[in-house]
């Protein structure tokens, strides 16, 4: 933009030359044999149909657009980081609650087995408590996987060496011994 703005201003040029001029070799040592020329010129855009002003406006618009794209990129990156942090915190809390629930389900299943051994309840109740215990254990494992995925999302959002188009399966099979590379 500065170049386009400078092109609208007047252009000053000063040039000169200094030399010696004589008809004989001996006359070159006299002071009258020196010749000097000094020239100056000024170039001023008088009428260009507004082309230079339009060029300045076009470059300013391009600069504004680049600034907007940069701002949008930064805001998107900040949003990705914040979303990953919120998901990470939520999944940590969920995992803690599910672990407590799994512990309570394990205690309930143990009590049900003891009560069944004492003849107080039927075997269907023991099966129901064991089913609940297994379901909560499955939920704990699923929450652990979600938590790991949240860590990966956060790492990616922070710019942690993520390469688009590459996935873990292609990297692990390409480095595995005995697997031919294509």
N, C-alpha and C. Protein backbone atom coordinates (compact mmCIF):
# COMPACT_ATOMS: atom_id res chain seq x y z
N UNK A 1 0.82 -1.17 0.00
CA UNK A 1 0.00 0.00 0.00
C UNK A 1 0.87 1.25 0.00
N UNK A 2 1.99 1.23 0.68
CA UNK A 2 2.88 2.39 0.73
C UNK A 2 3.45 2.71 -0.65
N UNK A 3 3.71 1.69 -1.45
CA UNK A 3 4.23 1.93 -2.80
C UNK A 3 3.19 2.60 -3.68
N UNK A 4 1.94 2.16 -3.56
CA UNK A 4 0.88 2.78 -4.36
C UNK A 4 0.63 4.21 -3.92
N UNK A 5 0.73 4.48 -2.64
CA UNK A 5 0.56 5.84 -2.13
C UNK A 5 1.72 6.71 -2.59
N UNK A 6 2.94 6.18 -2.59
CA UNK A 6 4.11 6.93 -3.03
C UNK A 6 4.05 7.23 -4.52
N UNK A 7 3.42 6.35 -5.29
CA UNK A 7 3.31 6.57 -6.74
C UNK A 7 2.42 7.76 -7.06
N UNK A 8 1.56 8.15 -6.12
CA UNK A 8 0.69 9.31 -6.34
C UNK A 8 1.41 10.62 -6.10
N UNK A 9 2.55 10.59 -5.40
CA UNK A 9 3.28 11.81 -5.07
C UNK A 9 4.24 12.18 -6.21
N UNK A 10 4.70 13.44 -6.22
CA UNK A 10 5.67 13.85 -7.25
C UNK A 10 6.98 13.09 -7.10
N UNK A 11 7.67 12.89 -8.22
CA UNK A 11 8.94 12.17 -8.24
C UNK A 11 10.03 13.16 -8.64
N UNK A 12 11.01 13.38 -7.76
CA UNK A 12 12.12 14.29 -8.03
C UNK A 12 13.36 13.49 -8.38
N UNK A 13 14.05 13.92 -9.46
CA UNK A 13 15.27 13.25 -9.88
C UNK A 13 16.34 14.31 -10.13
N UNK A 14 17.52 14.11 -9.56
CA UNK A 14 18.65 15.01 -9.81
C UNK A 14 19.80 14.14 -10.30
N UNK A 15 20.38 14.53 -11.41
CA UNK A 15 21.50 13.78 -11.94
C UNK A 15 22.56 14.78 -12.40
N UNK A 16 23.75 14.32 -12.49
CA UNK A 16 24.83 15.21 -12.91
C UNK A 16 26.00 14.41 -13.43
N UNK A 17 26.94 15.15 -14.04
CA UNK A 17 28.15 14.51 -14.52
C UNK A 17 29.29 15.52 -14.44
N UNK A 18 30.46 15.00 -14.30
CA UNK A 18 31.66 15.82 -14.19
C UNK A 18 32.71 15.18 -15.09
N UNK A 19 33.37 15.99 -15.90
CA UNK A 19 34.38 15.45 -16.81
C UNK A 19 35.41 16.49 -17.19
N UNK A 20 36.35 16.07 -18.02
CA UNK A 20 37.41 16.95 -18.52
C UNK A 20 37.30 17.00 -20.04
N UNK A 21 37.55 18.19 -20.56
CA UNK A 21 37.48 18.37 -22.00
C UNK A 21 38.65 19.26 -22.44
N UNK A 22 39.46 18.75 -23.36
CA UNK A 22 40.59 19.54 -23.87
C UNK A 22 40.95 19.02 -25.24
N UNK A 23 41.58 19.91 -26.05
CA UNK A 23 41.97 19.53 -27.38
C UNK A 23 43.32 18.82 -27.39
N UNK A 24 44.14 19.10 -26.40
CA UNK A 24 45.44 18.46 -26.32
C UNK A 24 45.60 17.83 -24.94
N UNK A 25 46.56 16.96 -24.84
CA UNK A 25 46.81 16.27 -23.58
C UNK A 25 47.35 17.23 -22.53
N UNK A 26 48.14 18.18 -22.93
CA UNK A 26 48.71 19.13 -21.99
C UNK A 26 47.66 20.07 -21.43
N UNK A 27 46.60 20.32 -22.16
CA UNK A 27 45.57 21.26 -21.72
C UNK A 27 44.64 20.64 -20.67
N UNK A 28 44.73 19.32 -20.43
CA UNK A 28 43.86 18.67 -19.44
C UNK A 28 44.18 19.10 -18.02
N UNK A 29 45.39 19.62 -17.77
CA UNK A 29 45.77 20.00 -16.42
C UNK A 29 45.28 21.38 -16.05
N UNK A 30 44.79 22.16 -16.97
CA UNK A 30 44.29 23.51 -16.66
C UNK A 30 42.88 23.41 -16.10
N UNK A 31 42.53 24.34 -15.24
CA UNK A 31 41.21 24.35 -14.61
C UNK A 31 40.09 24.59 -15.60
N UNK A 32 40.38 25.21 -16.73
CA UNK A 32 39.35 25.52 -17.71
C UNK A 32 38.91 24.30 -18.49
N UNK A 33 39.61 23.18 -18.32
CA UNK A 33 39.26 21.99 -19.08
C UNK A 33 38.15 21.17 -18.40
N UNK A 34 37.77 21.54 -17.18
CA UNK A 34 36.73 20.74 -16.50
C UNK A 34 35.35 21.17 -16.97
N UNK A 35 34.51 20.17 -17.10
CA UNK A 35 33.14 20.38 -17.56
C UNK A 35 32.21 19.71 -16.56
N UNK A 36 31.18 20.39 -16.20
CA UNK A 36 30.21 19.77 -15.30
C UNK A 36 28.80 20.08 -15.78
N UNK A 37 27.93 19.12 -15.53
CA UNK A 37 26.54 19.27 -15.93
C UNK A 37 25.68 18.81 -14.75
N UNK A 38 24.69 19.58 -14.41
CA UNK A 38 23.75 19.22 -13.35
C UNK A 38 22.36 19.37 -13.91
N UNK A 39 21.60 18.28 -13.86
CA UNK A 39 20.25 18.30 -14.40
C UNK A 39 19.28 17.86 -13.30
N UNK A 40 18.14 18.41 -13.32
CA UNK A 40 17.08 18.01 -12.40
C UNK A 40 15.79 17.82 -13.15
N UNK A 41 14.95 16.93 -12.63
CA UNK A 41 13.66 16.72 -13.28
C UNK A 41 12.61 16.43 -12.21
N UNK A 42 11.41 16.81 -12.50
CA UNK A 42 10.28 16.55 -11.61
C UNK A 42 9.20 15.89 -12.44
N UNK A 43 8.72 14.76 -11.93
CA UNK A 43 7.62 14.07 -12.60
C UNK A 43 6.43 14.11 -11.67
N UNK A 44 5.31 14.56 -12.19
CA UNK A 44 4.11 14.68 -11.37
C UNK A 44 2.95 14.07 -12.14
N UNK A 45 2.27 13.10 -11.53
CA UNK A 45 1.11 12.55 -12.22
C UNK A 45 -0.01 13.60 -12.26
N UNK A 46 -0.35 14.05 -13.45
CA UNK A 46 -1.36 15.10 -13.59
C UNK A 46 -2.74 14.48 -13.71
N UNK A 47 -2.92 13.58 -14.65
CA UNK A 47 -4.24 12.97 -14.83
C UNK A 47 -4.05 11.52 -15.23
N UNK A 48 -4.53 10.62 -14.38
CA UNK A 48 -4.45 9.20 -14.70
C UNK A 48 -5.81 8.53 -14.62
N UNK A 49 -6.84 9.32 -14.58
CA UNK A 49 -8.21 8.77 -14.56
C UNK A 49 -8.55 8.12 -13.22
N UNK A 50 -7.81 8.41 -12.17
CA UNK A 50 -8.09 7.83 -10.85
C UNK A 50 -7.51 6.44 -10.66
N UNK A 51 -6.64 6.02 -11.61
CA UNK A 51 -6.09 4.67 -11.54
C UNK A 51 -5.21 4.50 -10.30
N UNK A 52 -4.40 5.49 -9.98
CA UNK A 52 -3.52 5.36 -8.82
C UNK A 52 -4.33 5.38 -7.51
N UNK A 53 -5.33 6.20 -7.45
CA UNK A 53 -6.19 6.24 -6.26
C UNK A 53 -6.93 4.92 -6.10
N UNK A 54 -7.38 4.35 -7.21
CA UNK A 54 -8.06 3.05 -7.16
C UNK A 54 -7.08 1.95 -6.75
N UNK A 55 -5.83 2.05 -7.18
CA UNK A 55 -4.82 1.07 -6.79
C UNK A 55 -4.57 1.14 -5.28
N UNK A 56 -4.53 2.34 -4.72
CA UNK A 56 -4.35 2.49 -3.28
C UNK A 56 -5.54 1.88 -2.54
N UNK A 57 -6.75 2.14 -3.02
CA UNK A 57 -7.95 1.58 -2.37
C UNK A 57 -7.98 0.05 -2.48
N UNK A 58 -7.54 -0.48 -3.63
CA UNK A 58 -7.53 -1.94 -3.81
C UNK A 58 -6.52 -2.58 -2.86
N UNK A 59 -5.37 -1.96 -2.71
CA UNK A 59 -4.38 -2.52 -1.79
C UNK A 59 -4.84 -2.39 -0.34
N UNK A 60 -5.54 -1.30 -0.01
CA UNK A 60 -6.07 -1.16 1.35
C UNK A 60 -7.14 -2.23 1.60
N UNK A 61 -7.97 -2.51 0.60
CA UNK A 61 -8.99 -3.56 0.75
C UNK A 61 -8.35 -4.93 0.91
N UNK A 62 -7.28 -5.19 0.18
CA UNK A 62 -6.58 -6.47 0.31
C UNK A 62 -5.96 -6.59 1.70
N UNK A 63 -5.42 -5.50 2.21
CA UNK A 63 -4.86 -5.50 3.56
C UNK A 63 -5.94 -5.74 4.61
N UNK A 64 -7.08 -5.08 4.44
CA UNK A 64 -8.21 -5.29 5.36
C UNK A 64 -8.70 -6.72 5.32
N UNK A 65 -8.77 -7.30 4.13
CA UNK A 65 -9.21 -8.69 3.99
C UNK A 65 -8.23 -9.64 4.67
N UNK A 66 -6.94 -9.42 4.48
CA UNK A 66 -5.94 -10.28 5.13
C UNK A 66 -6.04 -10.16 6.65
N UNK A 67 -6.29 -8.95 7.14
CA UNK A 67 -6.47 -8.77 8.58
C UNK A 67 -7.70 -9.49 9.09
N UNK A 68 -8.78 -9.47 8.32
CA UNK A 68 -10.00 -10.17 8.71
C UNK A 68 -9.80 -11.68 8.72
N UNK A 69 -9.10 -12.19 7.73
CA UNK A 69 -8.82 -13.63 7.67
C UNK A 69 -7.95 -14.05 8.86
N UNK A 70 -6.97 -13.23 9.18
CA UNK A 70 -6.09 -13.53 10.32
C UNK A 70 -6.90 -13.52 11.62
N UNK A 71 -7.74 -12.52 11.81
CA UNK A 71 -8.57 -12.44 13.01
C UNK A 71 -9.49 -13.64 13.11
N UNK A 72 -10.11 -14.02 12.00
CA UNK A 72 -11.00 -15.19 12.01
C UNK A 72 -10.23 -16.46 12.35
N UNK A 73 -9.02 -16.59 11.83
CA UNK A 73 -8.21 -17.77 12.12
C UNK A 73 -7.85 -17.84 13.60
N UNK A 74 -7.47 -16.71 14.17
CA UNK A 74 -7.12 -16.68 15.59
C UNK A 74 -8.35 -17.00 16.44
N UNK A 75 -9.49 -16.41 16.10
CA UNK A 75 -10.71 -16.68 16.87
C UNK A 75 -11.13 -18.14 16.76
N UNK A 76 -10.99 -18.74 15.60
CA UNK A 76 -11.32 -20.15 15.43
C UNK A 76 -10.38 -21.02 16.27
N UNK A 77 -9.11 -20.68 16.29
CA UNK A 77 -8.15 -21.44 17.09
C UNK A 77 -8.47 -21.32 18.57
N UNK A 78 -8.81 -20.12 19.02
CA UNK A 78 -9.17 -19.94 20.43
C UNK A 78 -10.45 -20.71 20.77
N UNK A 79 -11.40 -20.72 19.85
CA UNK A 79 -12.65 -21.46 20.08
C UNK A 79 -12.36 -22.96 20.19
N UNK A 80 -11.50 -23.46 19.31
CA UNK A 80 -11.15 -24.89 19.35
C UNK A 80 -10.48 -25.26 20.68
N UNK A 81 -9.58 -24.40 21.15
CA UNK A 81 -8.91 -24.67 22.42
C UNK A 81 -9.92 -24.64 23.57
N UNK A 82 -10.78 -23.63 23.57
CA UNK A 82 -11.77 -23.53 24.65
C UNK A 82 -12.74 -24.70 24.63
N UNK A 83 -13.20 -25.08 23.45
CA UNK A 83 -14.10 -26.23 23.35
C UNK A 83 -13.44 -27.50 23.85
N UNK A 84 -12.17 -27.69 23.51
CA UNK A 84 -11.45 -28.88 23.96
C UNK A 84 -11.28 -28.87 25.47
N UNK A 85 -11.00 -27.71 26.04
CA UNK A 85 -10.84 -27.62 27.50
C UNK A 85 -12.16 -27.88 28.22
N UNK A 86 -13.25 -27.35 27.69
CA UNK A 86 -14.56 -27.58 28.31
C UNK A 86 -14.94 -29.06 28.24
N UNK A 87 -14.72 -29.67 27.08
CA UNK A 87 -15.02 -31.10 26.94
C UNK A 87 -14.15 -31.93 27.88
N UNK A 88 -12.89 -31.56 28.01
CA UNK A 88 -11.97 -32.28 28.88
C UNK A 88 -12.43 -32.20 30.34
N UNK A 89 -12.81 -31.02 30.77
CA UNK A 89 -13.28 -30.85 32.15
C UNK A 89 -14.57 -31.63 32.39
N UNK A 90 -15.51 -31.55 31.44
CA UNK A 90 -16.77 -32.27 31.58
C UNK A 90 -16.58 -33.78 31.63
N UNK A 91 -15.70 -34.29 30.77
CA UNK A 91 -15.46 -35.74 30.76
C UNK A 91 -14.70 -36.21 32.00
N UNK A 92 -13.86 -35.35 32.55
CA UNK A 92 -13.18 -35.71 33.81
C UNK A 92 -14.20 -35.85 34.94
N UNK A 93 -15.12 -34.88 35.01
CA UNK A 93 -16.16 -34.94 36.04
C UNK A 93 -17.05 -36.17 35.83
N UNK A 94 -17.42 -36.42 34.59
CA UNK A 94 -18.26 -37.58 34.27
C UNK A 94 -17.55 -38.88 34.66
N UNK A 95 -16.25 -38.97 34.37
CA UNK A 95 -15.49 -40.16 34.71
C UNK A 95 -15.42 -40.35 36.23
N UNK A 96 -15.25 -39.27 36.97
CA UNK A 96 -15.20 -39.38 38.43
C UNK A 96 -16.54 -39.88 38.98
N UNK A 97 -17.65 -39.38 38.46
CA UNK A 97 -18.97 -39.82 38.90
C UNK A 97 -19.22 -41.28 38.52
N UNK A 98 -18.79 -41.65 37.32
CA UNK A 98 -18.99 -43.03 36.88
C UNK A 98 -18.14 -44.01 37.70
N UNK A 99 -16.96 -43.59 38.09
CA UNK A 99 -16.14 -44.47 38.95
C UNK A 99 -16.81 -44.70 40.30
N UNK A 100 -17.40 -43.63 40.85
CA UNK A 100 -18.14 -43.79 42.10
C UNK A 100 -19.33 -44.72 41.91
N UNK A 101 -20.03 -44.55 40.78
CA UNK A 101 -21.18 -45.42 40.50
C UNK A 101 -20.74 -46.86 40.31
N UNK A 102 -19.59 -47.08 39.64
CA UNK A 102 -19.10 -48.44 39.44
C UNK A 102 -18.71 -49.07 40.77
N UNK A 103 -18.13 -48.28 41.65
CA UNK A 103 -17.78 -48.79 42.98
C UNK A 103 -19.03 -49.16 43.76
N UNK A 104 -20.05 -48.33 43.68
CA UNK A 104 -21.31 -48.62 44.37
C UNK A 104 -21.98 -49.86 43.76
N UNK A 105 -21.91 -50.01 42.44
CA UNK A 105 -22.50 -51.18 41.79
C UNK A 105 -21.75 -52.45 42.19
N UNK A 106 -20.43 -52.37 42.33
CA UNK A 106 -19.65 -53.53 42.76
C UNK A 106 -20.02 -53.92 44.19
N UNK A 107 -20.18 -52.93 45.05
CA UNK A 107 -20.62 -53.22 46.43
C UNK A 107 -22.02 -53.84 46.45
N UNK A 108 -22.90 -53.31 45.59
CA UNK A 108 -24.26 -53.84 45.52
C UNK A 108 -24.26 -55.29 45.04
N UNK A 109 -23.43 -55.59 44.04
CA UNK A 109 -23.35 -56.95 43.52
C UNK A 109 -22.79 -57.89 44.58
N UNK A 110 -21.81 -57.44 45.35
CA UNK A 110 -21.25 -58.27 46.41
C UNK A 110 -22.30 -58.54 47.50
N UNK A 111 -23.04 -57.52 47.87
CA UNK A 111 -24.10 -57.70 48.88
C UNK A 111 -25.19 -58.64 48.36
N UNK A 112 -25.52 -58.52 47.08
CA UNK A 112 -26.55 -59.38 46.51
C UNK A 112 -26.09 -60.84 46.54
N UNK A 113 -24.82 -61.09 46.23
CA UNK A 113 -24.31 -62.46 46.29
C UNK A 113 -24.35 -63.00 47.73
N UNK A 114 -23.99 -62.14 48.67
CA UNK A 114 -24.03 -62.55 50.08
C UNK A 114 -25.47 -62.83 50.53
N UNK A 115 -26.39 -61.99 50.13
CA UNK A 115 -27.80 -62.19 50.51
C UNK A 115 -28.37 -63.44 49.83
N UNK A 116 -27.92 -63.70 48.58
CA UNK A 116 -28.39 -64.90 47.90
C UNK A 116 -27.84 -66.15 48.62
N UNK A 117 -26.57 -66.06 49.03
CA UNK A 117 -25.97 -67.19 49.76
C UNK A 117 -26.70 -67.43 51.09
N UNK A 118 -27.21 -66.38 51.69
CA UNK A 118 -27.96 -66.51 52.94
C UNK A 118 -29.41 -66.89 52.71
N UNK A 119 -29.83 -66.93 51.44
CA UNK A 119 -31.19 -67.34 51.14
C UNK A 119 -32.21 -66.23 51.27
N UNK A 120 -31.79 -65.01 51.32
CA UNK A 120 -32.71 -63.89 51.52
C UNK A 120 -33.35 -63.45 50.20
N UNK A 121 -32.59 -63.47 49.08
CA UNK A 121 -33.12 -63.02 47.79
C UNK A 121 -32.96 -64.12 46.76
N UNK A 122 -33.64 -63.92 45.62
CA UNK A 122 -33.54 -64.91 44.55
C UNK A 122 -32.36 -64.58 43.62
N UNK A 123 -32.06 -65.52 42.71
CA UNK A 123 -30.89 -65.37 41.85
C UNK A 123 -31.10 -64.29 40.79
N UNK A 124 -32.33 -64.00 40.42
CA UNK A 124 -32.62 -62.94 39.44
C UNK A 124 -32.11 -61.59 39.93
N UNK A 125 -32.23 -61.32 41.21
CA UNK A 125 -31.74 -60.06 41.78
C UNK A 125 -30.21 -60.00 41.69
N UNK A 126 -29.55 -61.14 41.91
CA UNK A 126 -28.09 -61.20 41.79
C UNK A 126 -27.69 -60.89 40.34
N UNK A 127 -28.41 -61.48 39.39
CA UNK A 127 -28.10 -61.22 37.98
C UNK A 127 -28.32 -59.75 37.62
N UNK A 128 -29.37 -59.15 38.12
CA UNK A 128 -29.64 -57.73 37.85
C UNK A 128 -28.54 -56.83 38.40
N UNK A 129 -28.08 -57.11 39.61
CA UNK A 129 -27.01 -56.28 40.18
C UNK A 129 -25.69 -56.48 39.44
N UNK A 130 -25.43 -57.71 38.98
CA UNK A 130 -24.21 -57.94 38.20
C UNK A 130 -24.30 -57.25 36.83
N UNK A 131 -25.48 -57.24 36.24
CA UNK A 131 -25.69 -56.55 34.96
C UNK A 131 -25.45 -55.05 35.13
N UNK A 132 -25.94 -54.51 36.24
CA UNK A 132 -25.73 -53.09 36.52
C UNK A 132 -24.25 -52.80 36.74
N UNK A 133 -23.57 -53.70 37.44
CA UNK A 133 -22.14 -53.53 37.69
C UNK A 133 -21.36 -53.52 36.37
N UNK A 134 -21.66 -54.46 35.49
CA UNK A 134 -20.96 -54.53 34.20
C UNK A 134 -21.27 -53.30 33.33
N UNK A 135 -22.49 -52.84 33.39
CA UNK A 135 -22.89 -51.66 32.62
C UNK A 135 -22.12 -50.43 33.10
N UNK A 136 -22.01 -50.25 34.41
CA UNK A 136 -21.27 -49.09 34.92
C UNK A 136 -19.78 -49.22 34.62
N UNK A 137 -19.23 -50.42 34.66
CA UNK A 137 -17.82 -50.60 34.31
C UNK A 137 -17.59 -50.27 32.84
N UNK A 138 -18.54 -50.66 31.99
CA UNK A 138 -18.45 -50.33 30.57
C UNK A 138 -18.51 -48.81 30.38
N UNK A 139 -19.36 -48.14 31.13
CA UNK A 139 -19.46 -46.68 31.04
C UNK A 139 -18.16 -46.01 31.49
N UNK A 140 -17.50 -46.57 32.50
CA UNK A 140 -16.22 -46.02 32.95
C UNK A 140 -15.18 -46.13 31.84
N UNK A 141 -15.14 -47.27 31.17
CA UNK A 141 -14.18 -47.45 30.08
C UNK A 141 -14.48 -46.49 28.93
N UNK A 142 -15.76 -46.33 28.59
CA UNK A 142 -16.15 -45.41 27.52
C UNK A 142 -15.77 -43.98 27.88
N UNK A 143 -15.99 -43.59 29.12
CA UNK A 143 -15.62 -42.24 29.56
C UNK A 143 -14.10 -42.05 29.51
N UNK A 144 -13.35 -43.10 29.81
CA UNK A 144 -11.89 -43.02 29.71
C UNK A 144 -11.44 -42.81 28.27
N UNK A 145 -12.11 -43.49 27.34
CA UNK A 145 -11.80 -43.30 25.91
C UNK A 145 -12.14 -41.87 25.49
N UNK A 146 -13.30 -41.38 25.94
CA UNK A 146 -13.68 -40.00 25.61
C UNK A 146 -12.67 -39.00 26.17
N UNK A 147 -12.18 -39.25 27.35
CA UNK A 147 -11.20 -38.38 27.98
C UNK A 147 -9.89 -38.38 27.16
N UNK A 148 -9.49 -39.53 26.69
CA UNK A 148 -8.28 -39.61 25.86
C UNK A 148 -8.48 -38.86 24.54
N UNK A 149 -9.66 -38.99 23.96
CA UNK A 149 -9.95 -38.26 22.71
C UNK A 149 -9.95 -36.76 22.96
N UNK A 150 -10.42 -36.33 24.15
CA UNK A 150 -10.39 -34.91 24.48
C UNK A 150 -8.95 -34.40 24.61
N UNK A 151 -8.07 -35.22 25.16
CA UNK A 151 -6.67 -34.83 25.24
C UNK A 151 -6.08 -34.65 23.83
N UNK A 152 -6.43 -35.53 22.92
CA UNK A 152 -5.95 -35.42 21.54
C UNK A 152 -6.49 -34.16 20.89
N UNK A 153 -7.79 -33.87 21.09
CA UNK A 153 -8.39 -32.65 20.53
C UNK A 153 -7.70 -31.40 21.07
N UNK A 154 -7.41 -31.40 22.36
CA UNK A 154 -6.73 -30.25 22.95
C UNK A 154 -5.32 -30.11 22.37
N UNK A 155 -4.62 -31.20 22.24
CA UNK A 155 -3.28 -31.18 21.67
C UNK A 155 -3.32 -30.64 20.23
N UNK A 156 -4.30 -31.08 19.49
CA UNK A 156 -4.45 -30.62 18.10
C UNK A 156 -4.80 -29.13 18.08
N UNK A 157 -5.72 -28.70 18.97
CA UNK A 157 -6.13 -27.29 18.99
C UNK A 157 -4.97 -26.37 19.38
N UNK A 158 -4.06 -26.88 20.18
CA UNK A 158 -2.90 -26.08 20.58
C UNK A 158 -1.78 -26.12 19.54
N UNK A 159 -2.02 -26.84 18.44
CA UNK A 159 -1.04 -26.89 17.36
C UNK A 159 0.04 -27.91 17.58
N UNK A 160 -0.28 -29.01 18.23
CA UNK A 160 0.70 -30.00 18.63
C UNK A 160 1.15 -30.94 17.55
N UNK A 161 1.66 -30.44 16.45
CA UNK A 161 2.26 -31.30 15.45
C UNK A 161 1.28 -32.14 14.67
N UNK A 162 0.07 -31.72 14.57
CA UNK A 162 -0.95 -32.47 13.84
C UNK A 162 -0.75 -32.28 12.35
N UNK A 163 -0.81 -33.36 11.61
CA UNK A 163 -0.69 -33.28 10.15
C UNK A 163 -2.00 -33.73 9.55
N UNK A 164 -2.74 -32.84 8.89
CA UNK A 164 -4.00 -33.24 8.27
C UNK A 164 -3.77 -34.35 7.24
N UNK A 165 -4.67 -35.29 7.20
CA UNK A 165 -4.58 -36.38 6.24
C UNK A 165 -3.82 -37.57 6.74
N UNK A 166 -3.14 -37.45 7.86
CA UNK A 166 -2.44 -38.61 8.40
C UNK A 166 -3.22 -39.13 9.59
N UNK A 167 -3.29 -40.42 9.70
CA UNK A 167 -4.00 -41.00 10.83
C UNK A 167 -3.10 -42.03 11.51
N UNK A 168 -3.51 -42.45 12.68
CA UNK A 168 -2.67 -43.34 13.49
C UNK A 168 -2.52 -44.71 12.85
N UNK A 169 -3.56 -45.18 12.16
CA UNK A 169 -3.50 -46.53 11.61
C UNK A 169 -2.49 -46.62 10.47
N UNK A 170 -2.44 -45.59 9.61
CA UNK A 170 -1.49 -45.65 8.50
C UNK A 170 -0.07 -45.50 9.02
N UNK A 171 0.12 -44.68 10.07
CA UNK A 171 1.47 -44.51 10.62
C UNK A 171 1.93 -45.78 11.33
N UNK A 172 1.03 -46.44 12.04
CA UNK A 172 1.45 -47.63 12.78
C UNK A 172 1.70 -48.82 11.85
N UNK A 173 0.92 -48.95 10.79
CA UNK A 173 1.16 -50.06 9.87
C UNK A 173 2.37 -49.82 9.00
N UNK A 174 2.68 -48.54 8.70
CA UNK A 174 3.83 -48.26 7.86
C UNK A 174 5.13 -48.53 8.61
N UNK A 175 5.12 -48.38 9.93
CA UNK A 175 6.32 -48.61 10.71
C UNK A 175 6.42 -50.02 11.26
N UNK A 176 5.41 -50.83 11.08
CA UNK A 176 5.42 -52.19 11.63
C UNK A 176 6.37 -53.06 10.82
N UNK A 177 7.16 -53.90 11.52
CA UNK A 177 8.07 -54.78 10.78
C UNK A 177 7.30 -55.85 10.02
N UNK A 178 7.77 -56.15 8.83
CA UNK A 178 7.16 -57.20 8.04
C UNK A 178 5.97 -56.74 7.21
N UNK A 179 5.59 -55.46 7.33
CA UNK A 179 4.48 -54.94 6.54
C UNK A 179 5.08 -54.22 5.35
N UNK A 180 4.74 -54.66 4.13
CA UNK A 180 5.32 -54.02 2.94
C UNK A 180 4.78 -52.60 2.80
N UNK A 181 5.64 -51.71 2.38
CA UNK A 181 5.22 -50.33 2.17
C UNK A 181 4.81 -50.15 0.72
N UNK A 182 3.76 -49.39 0.52
CA UNK A 182 3.29 -49.18 -0.85
C UNK A 182 3.85 -47.93 -1.44
